[in-house]
Amino acid sequence: QKRKSPIYAFFNAEPDVEFDDASTASYIVFHCSTCRAQVKQDLHFLGALIRHAKSCWGEEAVNAVQGSKSIDKARDALKKFRKKSQSKLTAALRSVKGWAESFSTQPPKKRRSACPFHIVKDCCYQWLQKEGRPEWYIPSQETVSHDVKKLYTSTKEKLAEELQ
């Protein structure tokens, strides 16, 4: 079975399988790569593995691994840093993420004001516009409203001329 969840990076790659009385696989037993503890996982649930990884490695490392792109790269970073430094481990796991996943190119869709000219006063909009360019000027809502109305009337007049 192919294990896709990055949480498996904390455990050895080859788990043991426990069978019940009817000779069907009931549990998969994973061995922690640092403390060698045996953690039983039900066939479809990762809760026990996540709890053990948090107790053994820490919350920060588990969150960094769960955000990583591939199990193999996360496992290599875990082998390299072990439990020496959580900050070094987290920094190494950050580089495992795909480049396109490190930022969003889409602006936040939720805005605080539904009025079209009030969006200029929205703190999220201002933060988004000034990100990387803090010296830029953002006009007031009255200026934006005036400019849009002026643009609308001039476009309306030009369109009327062309249609006649």
Foldseek 3Di string as FASTA:
>chain_A
DDDFALLCLQWDPDWDFDADPVRDTAWTWTAGPPPRDTFTDGPPDCVRSLVVCCVQQNDLLSVLSRQFDGNVQLSVLCVVCPNPDSVSSSVSSVVRHDPCVPDDPDQDPDWDDPDPLCSLVTPSVVCVVCVVPVPDDRDHSVVVVVVVVVVVVVVVVVVVVVVD
